[in-house]
């Protein structure tokens, strides 16, 4: 039987889908991701207003493949319920799959799983009776066993990688103990639960043995790692262990949190050349009043001090952040303060999304008093500003030489990334294949790390030549 798994939302969902697929493959099913036996990595153009650091939700992702995917026996849609746009996309994909199911001449099953189901299962059962089964984020075992497959309580015991072979996401914990006023993730995923270091290291070593060159460390909040299990924050210790014992050429850190950031992790990043000089840290805002209402546990002064520490201790660091505009009560003056902050902080990468009220969160009780049109204008203003900053930073890289991890061959280009860019969300380096000697071209495949001199730049792409 053929099973197609469609994954929406963030990289944590990708890992969940990969674990589900691993269990089902072991039971003898033929697995596909988004209609393909192995998932291609064709990132969207960068600079999207919806930051994929917060939600990697692509509204038109593989739509053509889905529309023709009527030859599967089972389709599993792993949904996202983070913000309004993500919920809308999840509903649209479910409706799309219902339509395909109705047109198909073969009897097939449609299964909805994940975050949206965790939040709205009752409503979805009533509104979409054509869906055969529903499973929330804590029901992977029930899903797997319903298909007569064996399930291990330890999810990482089985995994089928959907990303390109040379990079993979490593989830170090589940859930979140933060109380951000706008965020429904704790309602969906529950309390923070750290995985033991030895389990994480074991999975990382298996990844490297299978050909992974870049391990991307993820969680709902990576900086909280260890508090529940060891009584103290252990992100630095974990990174040190991964850097010295996993064998990974590149290790990248995502989803950090500014409040109580474990500064020893910065020391570890500085000491180990195989940890990328890259920090993904969603700051959300800079105005102290709004940060207080957001319940972020940090104010403007604390945010500025943290960024100063990053850049003092890691002068070569690339910082990616995400911001929210149109939060309840955000005045034009407070938005201008945020805009000035972006102008002076000069982030290497930035995403932005408009606030959407989420049921059950503290902010839901506040008046959603910024009109949607104004929210959209503010998003556009920030992203236009960041595009210019990104272009200037890219121009400054022209003439320099960097290690580049090749992600794919597309048309007349090798397409890769430096350590300053994460897959699917950040900039890429394009290397014309006609400039490469034929003997070299035969050995350069996805997953190869090559030395590249940057020859020109665009706002979201670099061009270079192998040296």
Protein backbone atom coordinates (compact mmCIF):
# COMPACT_ATOMS: atom_id res chain seq x y z
CA UNK A 1 0.00 0.00 0.00
CA UNK A 2 1.16 3.52 -0.82
CA UNK A 3 1.03 6.24 1.83
CA UNK A 4 1.58 9.94 1.07
CA UNK A 5 2.49 12.18 4.03
CA UNK A 6 1.92 15.91 3.50
CA UNK A 7 3.67 18.02 6.13
CA UNK A 8 2.67 21.61 6.89
CA UNK A 9 4.16 24.02 9.40
CA UNK A 10 7.54 24.06 11.09
CA UNK A 11 10.57 21.76 11.17
CA UNK A 12 9.26 20.11 14.35
CA UNK A 13 6.36 18.82 12.26
CA UNK A 14 8.83 17.54 9.68
CA UNK A 15 10.52 15.45 12.38
CA UNK A 16 7.15 14.10 13.57
CA UNK A 17 6.24 13.08 10.01
CA UNK A 18 9.61 11.40 9.57
CA UNK A 19 9.13 9.33 12.73
CA UNK A 20 5.62 8.30 11.65
CA UNK A 21 6.98 7.35 8.23
CA UNK A 22 9.77 5.32 9.79
CA UNK A 23 7.32 3.18 11.73
CA UNK A 24 5.08 2.68 8.71
CA UNK A 25 7.95 1.84 6.36
CA UNK A 26 9.11 -0.85 8.76
CA UNK A 27 5.62 -2.35 8.51
CA UNK A 28 6.01 -2.69 4.75
CA UNK A 29 4.17 0.38 3.45
CA UNK A 30 5.56 2.35 0.50
CA UNK A 31 6.07 5.89 1.80
CA UNK A 32 5.97 9.22 -0.05
CA UNK A 33 6.49 12.77 1.22
CA UNK A 34 4.37 15.40 -0.51
CA UNK A 35 3.81 12.98 -3.36
CA UNK A 36 7.48 12.14 -3.85
CA UNK A 37 9.46 9.06 -2.75
CA UNK A 38 12.11 11.40 -1.37
CA UNK A 39 11.45 15.02 -0.58
CA UNK A 40 13.16 17.55 -2.82
CA UNK A 41 14.41 20.75 -1.28
CA UNK A 42 13.32 23.62 -3.47
CA UNK A 43 13.13 26.57 -1.09
CA UNK A 44 10.69 29.43 -1.64
CA UNK A 45 12.20 32.78 -2.51
CA UNK A 46 13.59 34.43 0.59
CA UNK A 47 12.28 37.53 2.31
CA UNK A 48 8.82 36.09 2.79
CA UNK A 49 6.71 38.01 5.25
CA UNK A 50 5.77 34.83 7.10
CA UNK A 51 8.98 33.84 8.79
CA UNK A 52 9.72 30.17 8.38
CA UNK A 53 11.81 30.42 11.53
CA UNK A 54 8.51 30.64 13.37
CA UNK A 55 6.37 28.72 10.90
CA UNK A 56 7.58 27.06 7.79
CA UNK A 57 4.22 27.13 6.12
CA UNK A 58 4.24 27.37 2.31
CA UNK A 59 0.74 28.04 0.92
CA UNK A 60 1.40 26.61 -2.55
CA UNK A 61 3.83 23.89 -1.53
CA UNK A 62 3.86 21.05 -4.04
CA UNK A 63 0.29 21.86 -5.07
CA UNK A 64 0.68 20.37 -8.54
CA UNK A 65 1.90 17.12 -7.02
CA UNK A 66 -0.98 17.01 -4.57
CA UNK A 67 -3.53 17.66 -7.26
CA UNK A 68 -2.36 14.58 -9.13
CA UNK A 69 -1.89 12.42 -6.04
CA UNK A 70 -4.97 10.27 -6.52
CA UNK A 71 -3.01 7.02 -6.72
CA UNK A 72 -2.29 6.74 -2.99
CA UNK A 73 -4.09 4.27 -0.75
CA UNK A 74 -3.69 6.53 2.30
CA UNK A 75 -2.96 10.26 2.59
CA UNK A 76 -1.83 11.65 5.95
CA UNK A 77 -1.90 15.44 6.36
CA UNK A 78 0.24 16.67 9.26
CA UNK A 79 -1.36 20.05 9.99
CA UNK A 80 -0.20 23.28 11.62
CA UNK A 81 -2.24 25.38 14.05
CA UNK A 82 0.23 28.10 15.00
CA UNK A 83 -1.32 31.27 13.53
CA UNK A 84 -4.23 32.25 11.32
CA UNK A 85 -2.48 31.85 7.95
CA UNK A 86 -1.17 28.42 8.92
CA UNK A 87 -4.58 27.23 10.05
CA UNK A 88 -6.11 28.48 6.81
CA UNK A 89 -3.49 26.64 4.77
CA UNK A 90 -4.12 23.43 6.70
CA UNK A 91 -7.87 23.65 6.07
CA UNK A 92 -7.30 24.37 2.39
CA UNK A 93 -5.02 21.36 1.99
CA UNK A 94 -7.55 19.11 3.76
CA UNK A 95 -10.31 20.38 1.45
CA UNK A 96 -8.01 19.80 -1.53
CA UNK A 97 -7.38 16.22 -0.46
CA UNK A 98 -11.09 15.63 0.13
CA UNK A 99 -11.75 16.76 -3.45
CA UNK A 100 -9.04 14.43 -4.78
CA UNK A 101 -10.48 11.57 -2.77
CA UNK A 102 -13.94 12.18 -4.21
CA UNK A 103 -12.59 12.23 -7.78
CA UNK A 104 -10.55 9.08 -7.33
CA UNK A 105 -11.91 5.79 -8.60
CA UNK A 106 -10.04 3.80 -5.95
CA UNK A 107 -11.05 3.52 -2.31
CA UNK A 108 -8.58 5.57 -0.30
CA UNK A 109 -8.28 6.90 3.26
CA UNK A 110 -7.62 10.47 4.36
CA UNK A 111 -6.13 10.97 7.83
CA UNK A 112 -5.67 14.37 9.49
CA UNK A 113 -3.06 14.66 12.24
CA UNK A 114 -1.05 17.23 14.15
CA UNK A 115 -1.44 20.64 15.74
CA UNK A 116 -4.67 21.79 14.10
CA UNK A 117 -6.34 18.52 15.11
CA UNK A 118 -5.06 18.88 18.65
CA UNK A 119 -6.82 22.25 18.91
CA UNK A 120 -9.97 21.78 16.85
CA UNK A 121 -10.70 18.07 16.53
CA UNK A 122 -14.38 18.37 17.54
CA UNK A 123 -15.09 21.17 15.09
CA UNK A 124 -13.20 19.48 12.25
CA UNK A 125 -15.01 16.19 12.76
CA UNK A 126 -18.30 18.05 12.38
CA UNK A 127 -17.26 20.20 9.44
CA UNK A 128 -15.21 17.64 7.47
CA UNK A 129 -16.90 14.24 7.84
CA UNK A 130 -15.14 13.06 4.66
CA UNK A 131 -11.91 12.70 6.67
CA UNK A 132 -11.56 9.10 7.85
CA UNK A 133 -9.54 9.62 11.05
CA UNK A 134 -8.16 12.36 13.29
CA UNK A 135 -5.10 12.23 15.58
CA UNK A 136 -3.58 14.96 17.74
CA UNK A 137 0.11 15.52 18.47
CA UNK A 138 0.15 13.03 21.35
CA UNK A 139 -1.53 10.22 19.41
CA UNK A 140 1.20 9.02 17.05
CA UNK A 141 1.04 5.55 18.59
CA UNK A 142 -2.69 5.29 17.96
CA UNK A 143 -2.19 6.42 14.36
CA UNK A 144 0.56 3.88 13.66
CA UNK A 145 -1.28 1.02 15.36
CA UNK A 146 -4.50 1.87 13.49
CA UNK A 147 -2.62 0.94 10.30
CA UNK A 148 -1.57 -2.35 11.89
CA UNK A 149 2.05 -1.27 12.29
CA UNK A 150 4.23 -1.70 15.36
CA UNK A 151 4.90 1.46 17.36
CA UNK A 152 7.84 2.23 19.64
CA UNK A 153 7.16 4.69 22.47
CA UNK A 154 10.62 6.09 21.75
CA UNK A 155 9.84 7.92 18.50
CA UNK A 156 13.45 8.26 17.42
CA UNK A 157 13.74 4.46 17.30
CA UNK A 158 12.39 4.68 13.75
CA UNK A 159 12.82 7.55 11.31
CA UNK A 160 12.59 8.00 7.55
CA UNK A 161 14.35 11.19 6.47
CA UNK A 162 12.33 13.48 4.19
CA UNK A 163 14.91 16.25 3.84
CA UNK A 164 17.80 15.88 1.40
CA UNK A 165 20.25 13.25 2.61
CA UNK A 166 22.91 15.73 3.68
CA UNK A 167 20.94 17.72 6.29
CA UNK A 168 18.43 16.79 8.96
CA UNK A 169 16.61 18.27 11.92
CA UNK A 170 17.41 17.02 15.42
CA UNK A 171 14.62 17.65 17.94
CA UNK A 172 16.03 17.84 21.47
CA UNK A 173 12.81 18.39 23.43
CA UNK A 174 9.05 18.55 23.13
CA UNK A 175 6.61 21.14 24.44
CA UNK A 176 7.12 24.60 25.94
CA UNK A 177 6.93 26.12 29.42
CA UNK A 178 6.91 29.72 28.21
CA UNK A 179 3.79 31.84 28.66
CA UNK A 180 4.00 34.18 25.64
CA UNK A 181 0.62 35.87 25.50
CA UNK A 182 0.05 35.40 21.75
CA UNK A 183 1.25 31.80 21.39
CA UNK A 184 -0.88 28.65 21.42
CA UNK A 185 2.02 26.20 21.20
CA UNK A 186 2.00 25.32 24.95
CA UNK A 187 -1.75 24.63 24.63
CA UNK A 188 -1.04 22.30 21.71
CA UNK A 189 2.22 20.64 22.65
CA UNK A 190 2.09 20.70 26.45
CA UNK A 191 4.92 21.19 28.95
CA UNK A 192 8.60 21.11 28.06
CA UNK A 193 10.15 17.63 28.12
CA UNK A 194 13.89 17.32 27.42
CA UNK A 195 15.42 14.23 25.85
CA UNK A 196 18.48 12.74 27.57
CA UNK A 197 21.80 13.83 26.09
CA UNK A 198 22.82 10.25 25.35
CA UNK A 199 19.65 9.69 23.29
CA UNK A 200 20.19 12.88 21.31
CA UNK A 201 23.85 12.06 20.69
CA UNK A 202 22.95 8.55 19.57
CA UNK A 203 20.46 9.88 17.03
CA UNK A 204 22.99 12.46 15.80
CA UNK A 205 25.63 9.78 15.30
CA UNK A 206 23.17 7.63 13.33
CA UNK A 207 22.39 10.65 11.14
CA UNK A 208 26.06 11.24 10.38
CA UNK A 209 26.58 7.55 9.66
CA UNK A 210 23.72 7.79 7.13
CA UNK A 211 25.39 10.69 5.31
CA UNK A 212 24.08 13.81 7.10
CA UNK A 213 26.56 16.69 6.89
CA UNK A 214 24.48 19.34 8.68
CA UNK A 215 22.53 18.75 11.90
CA UNK A 216 19.99 21.46 12.74
CA UNK A 217 19.14 21.51 16.46
CA UNK A 218 15.48 22.35 17.06
CA UNK A 219 12.81 22.43 19.76
CA UNK A 220 9.95 24.70 20.74
CA UNK A 221 12.62 26.45 22.85
CA UNK A 222 16.18 25.12 22.67
CA UNK A 223 17.45 27.45 25.44
CA UNK A 224 15.18 25.75 28.01
CA UNK A 225 16.84 22.41 27.33
CA UNK A 226 17.80 20.41 30.43
CA UNK A 227 15.95 22.37 33.13
CA UNK A 228 13.36 19.65 33.66
CA UNK A 229 15.78 16.73 33.31
CA UNK A 230 18.99 17.98 34.91
CA UNK A 231 17.82 20.91 37.03
CA UNK A 232 19.75 23.48 34.98
CA UNK A 233 20.02 24.73 31.41
CA UNK A 234 22.22 22.32 29.48
CA UNK A 235 22.18 23.64 25.92
CA UNK A 236 25.88 24.52 26.08
CA UNK A 237 26.78 21.06 27.37
CA UNK A 238 24.65 19.43 24.68
CA UNK A 239 26.22 21.50 21.89
CA UNK A 240 29.69 20.69 23.19
CA UNK A 241 28.84 16.99 23.19
CA UNK A 242 27.42 17.12 19.65
CA UNK A 243 30.42 19.09 18.37
CA UNK A 244 33.00 16.67 19.80
CA UNK A 245 31.23 13.30 19.47
CA UNK A 246 28.66 13.36 16.65
CA UNK A 247 31.11 13.67 13.76
CA UNK A 248 28.90 16.27 12.02
CA UNK A 249 30.78 18.80 9.84
CA UNK A 250 28.10 21.42 10.53
CA UNK A 251 25.83 21.91 13.55
CA UNK A 252 23.26 24.72 13.50
CA UNK A 253 21.16 26.13 16.35
CA UNK A 254 17.52 27.16 15.87
CA UNK A 255 14.62 28.38 18.03
CA UNK A 256 16.46 30.07 20.87
CA UNK A 257 14.68 32.36 23.33
CA UNK A 258 16.05 35.72 24.54
CA UNK A 259 14.96 35.56 28.20
CA UNK A 260 17.52 33.74 30.40
CA UNK A 261 19.59 32.81 27.35
CA UNK A 262 22.34 30.35 28.47
CA UNK A 263 25.43 32.40 27.64
CA UNK A 264 27.75 29.41 28.04
CA UNK A 265 26.31 28.18 24.73
CA UNK A 266 27.96 31.17 23.03
CA UNK A 267 31.32 30.10 24.45
CA UNK A 268 30.76 26.61 23.02
CA UNK A 269 29.87 27.97 19.58
CA UNK A 270 33.05 30.08 19.61
CA UNK A 271 35.25 27.11 20.54
CA UNK A 272 34.00 24.63 17.96
CA UNK A 273 34.53 25.32 14.24
CA UNK A 274 31.87 22.76 13.27
CA UNK A 275 29.14 24.75 15.04
CA UNK A 276 27.86 27.36 12.59
CA UNK A 277 28.19 31.01 13.56
CA UNK A 278 24.44 31.32 13.36
CA UNK A 279 21.76 32.08 15.95
CA UNK A 280 18.04 31.93 15.29
CA UNK A 281 16.37 34.01 18.01
CA UNK A 282 12.79 35.27 17.52
CA UNK A 283 12.71 38.60 19.39
CA UNK A 284 9.11 39.54 18.37
CA UNK A 285 9.42 43.23 19.35
CA UNK A 286 11.65 45.84 20.97
CA UNK A 287 9.20 48.15 22.75
CA UNK A 288 9.28 47.36 26.49
CA UNK A 289 5.55 47.87 27.02
CA UNK A 290 4.64 45.46 24.24
CA UNK A 291 7.27 42.94 25.35
CA UNK A 292 5.74 43.06 28.82
CA UNK A 293 2.25 42.51 27.45
CA UNK A 294 3.62 39.66 25.33
CA UNK A 295 5.00 38.12 28.56
CA UNK A 296 8.40 37.65 26.98
CA UNK A 297 10.38 38.01 30.21
CA UNK A 298 12.76 40.60 28.72
CA UNK A 299 12.64 44.31 27.92
CA UNK A 300 14.31 46.60 25.40
CA UNK A 301 17.46 47.05 27.48
CA UNK A 302 17.86 43.32 28.04
CA UNK A 303 17.38 42.61 24.35
CA UNK A 304 20.01 45.13 23.30
CA UNK A 305 22.49 43.78 25.87
CA UNK A 306 21.98 40.25 24.62
CA UNK A 307 22.58 41.22 20.98
CA UNK A 308 25.67 43.17 22.04
CA UNK A 309 26.97 40.06 23.83
CA UNK A 310 26.40 37.89 20.76
CA UNK A 311 28.32 40.22 18.50
CA UNK A 312 31.10 40.88 20.97
CA UNK A 313 31.76 37.20 21.65
CA UNK A 314 31.01 36.02 18.08
CA UNK A 315 32.00 38.90 15.76
CA UNK A 316 31.28 36.75 12.69
CA UNK A 317 27.83 35.62 13.85
CA UNK A 318 24.77 35.70 11.58
CA UNK A 319 21.60 36.49 13.52
CA UNK A 320 18.13 35.55 12.26
CA UNK A 321 15.10 36.94 14.06
CA UNK A 322 11.33 37.08 13.72
CA UNK A 323 9.08 40.00 14.60
CA UNK A 324 5.36 40.48 15.20
CA UNK A 325 3.53 43.63 14.10
CA UNK A 326 -0.02 44.70 14.85
CA UNK A 327 -0.03 43.26 18.37
CA UNK A 328 -3.03 44.57 20.37
CA UNK A 329 -2.47 48.21 21.25
CA UNK A 330 0.65 48.67 19.10
CA UNK A 331 0.71 52.37 18.26
CA UNK A 332 2.33 53.87 15.20
CA UNK A 333 5.03 55.29 17.50
CA UNK A 334 5.77 51.84 18.91
CA UNK A 335 5.95 50.42 15.42
CA UNK A 336 8.36 53.21 14.42
CA UNK A 337 10.49 52.22 17.42
CA UNK A 338 10.54 48.67 16.09
CA UNK A 339 11.42 49.93 12.64
CA UNK A 340 14.32 51.99 14.01
CA UNK A 341 15.48 48.90 15.89
CA UNK A 342 15.59 46.86 12.67
CA UNK A 343 17.44 49.68 10.95
CA UNK A 344 20.16 49.85 13.65
CA UNK A 345 20.36 46.17 14.66
CA UNK A 346 20.94 45.14 11.03
CA UNK A 347 19.94 41.52 11.32
CA UNK A 348 21.44 39.15 8.81
CA UNK A 349 18.09 37.45 8.27
CA UNK A 350 14.62 38.48 9.41
CA UNK A 351 11.04 37.37 9.08
CA UNK A 352 7.88 39.16 10.13
CA UNK A 353 4.24 38.25 10.51
CA UNK A 354 1.07 40.06 11.45
CA UNK A 355 -0.47 39.29 14.83
CA UNK A 356 -3.50 37.02 14.76
CA UNK A 357 -5.64 36.37 17.88
CA UNK A 358 -5.48 32.76 19.06
CA UNK A 359 -8.18 31.26 21.27
CA UNK A 360 -7.00 30.31 24.73
CA UNK A 361 -4.03 32.66 24.82
CA UNK A 362 -3.70 35.63 27.20
CA UNK A 363 -3.66 38.15 24.34
CA UNK A 364 -6.95 36.80 23.01
CA UNK A 365 -8.75 38.83 25.67
CA UNK A 366 -7.16 42.06 24.39
CA UNK A 367 -8.87 44.15 21.71
CA UNK A 368 -7.46 43.26 18.27
CA UNK A 369 -7.47 46.96 17.47
CA UNK A 370 -4.93 47.28 14.65
CA UNK A 371 -6.80 46.90 11.32
CA UNK A 372 -5.59 44.08 9.08
CA UNK A 373 -4.73 46.54 6.31
CA UNK A 374 -2.47 48.42 8.72
CA UNK A 375 -0.87 45.16 9.91
CA UNK A 376 -0.10 44.26 6.31
CA UNK A 377 1.40 47.70 5.66
CA UNK A 378 3.65 47.35 8.71
CA UNK A 379 4.81 43.90 7.62
CA UNK A 380 5.64 45.27 4.17
CA UNK A 381 7.52 48.26 5.62
CA UNK A 382 9.71 46.07 7.80
CA UNK A 383 10.40 43.55 5.06
CA UNK A 384 11.29 46.28 2.56
CA UNK A 385 13.74 47.70 5.09
CA UNK A 386 15.24 44.30 5.79
CA UNK A 387 15.63 43.57 2.08
CA UNK A 388 17.88 46.59 1.70
CA UNK A 389 19.89 45.57 4.78
CA UNK A 390 20.24 42.02 3.43
CA UNK A 391 21.44 43.37 0.10
CA UNK A 392 24.06 45.57 1.75
CA UNK A 393 25.29 42.67 3.88
CA UNK A 394 25.47 40.41 0.83
CA UNK A 395 27.43 43.02 -1.11
CA UNK A 396 29.96 43.07 1.74
CA UNK A 397 30.62 39.37 1.12
CA UNK A 398 31.67 39.89 -2.50
CA UNK A 399 35.34 39.01 -2.92
CA UNK A 400 35.44 36.81 0.17
CA UNK A 401 35.80 33.03 0.14
CA UNK A 402 33.59 30.64 2.14
CA UNK A 403 32.87 26.98 2.61
CA UNK A 404 29.59 26.22 0.83
CA UNK A 405 27.46 23.12 1.37
CA UNK A 406 25.85 22.15 -1.94
CA UNK A 407 22.12 21.49 -1.58
CA UNK A 408 21.15 20.66 -5.15
CA UNK A 409 21.86 21.09 -8.84
CA UNK A 410 19.24 23.28 -10.50
CA UNK A 411 19.45 24.12 -14.19
CA UNK A 412 22.85 25.62 -14.90
CA UNK A 413 23.75 26.15 -11.24
CA UNK A 414 25.04 24.34 -8.22
CA UNK A 415 22.97 25.76 -5.35
CA UNK A 416 24.33 25.77 -1.81
CA UNK A 417 24.69 27.71 1.43
CA UNK A 418 27.36 29.14 3.69
CA UNK A 419 27.35 28.51 7.44
CA UNK A 420 25.43 31.79 7.78
CA UNK A 421 22.30 30.41 6.10
CA UNK A 422 19.86 27.72 7.10
CA UNK A 423 18.05 25.58 4.50
CA UNK A 424 14.67 26.65 3.14
CA UNK A 425 14.56 29.98 4.99
CA UNK A 426 17.80 31.86 4.20
CA UNK A 427 20.02 32.97 1.32
CA UNK A 428 21.70 30.68 -1.18
CA UNK A 429 24.94 30.64 -3.16
CA UNK A 430 24.58 29.98 -6.90
CA UNK A 431 27.61 28.60 -8.76
CA UNK A 432 27.39 28.46 -12.59
CA UNK A 433 28.18 24.93 -13.70
CA UNK A 434 29.68 26.07 -17.00
CA UNK A 435 32.53 27.68 -15.05
CA UNK A 436 33.45 24.35 -13.46
CA UNK A 437 35.86 21.95 -15.13
CA UNK A 438 34.13 18.78 -16.26
CA UNK A 439 36.41 16.66 -14.08
CA UNK A 440 35.40 18.69 -11.01
CA UNK A 441 31.71 18.76 -11.92
CA UNK A 442 31.53 14.98 -11.81
CA UNK A 443 32.53 14.91 -8.15
CA UNK A 444 30.41 17.81 -6.88
CA UNK A 445 27.09 16.43 -5.71
CA UNK A 446 24.53 17.54 -3.10
CA UNK A 447 26.17 17.21 0.30
CA UNK A 448 29.62 18.23 -0.97
CA UNK A 449 31.32 21.12 0.84
CA UNK A 450 33.33 23.31 -1.56
CA UNK A 451 35.39 26.47 -1.25
CA UNK A 452 33.68 29.34 -3.09
CA UNK A 453 34.71 32.93 -3.82
CA UNK A 454 31.71 35.28 -3.96
CA UNK A 455 31.63 37.23 -7.21
CA UNK A 456 28.32 39.14 -7.03
CA UNK A 457 25.27 39.58 -4.84
CA UNK A 458 21.54 40.11 -4.88
CA UNK A 459 19.26 40.84 -1.88
CA UNK A 460 18.62 37.14 -1.24
CA UNK A 461 21.26 35.31 -3.26
CA UNK A 462 25.03 35.23 -3.67
CA UNK A 463 26.87 34.15 -6.82
CA UNK A 464 30.29 32.57 -6.73
CA UNK A 465 32.97 30.39 -8.26
CA UNK A 466 34.76 27.38 -6.86
CA UNK A 467 38.42 28.01 -5.94
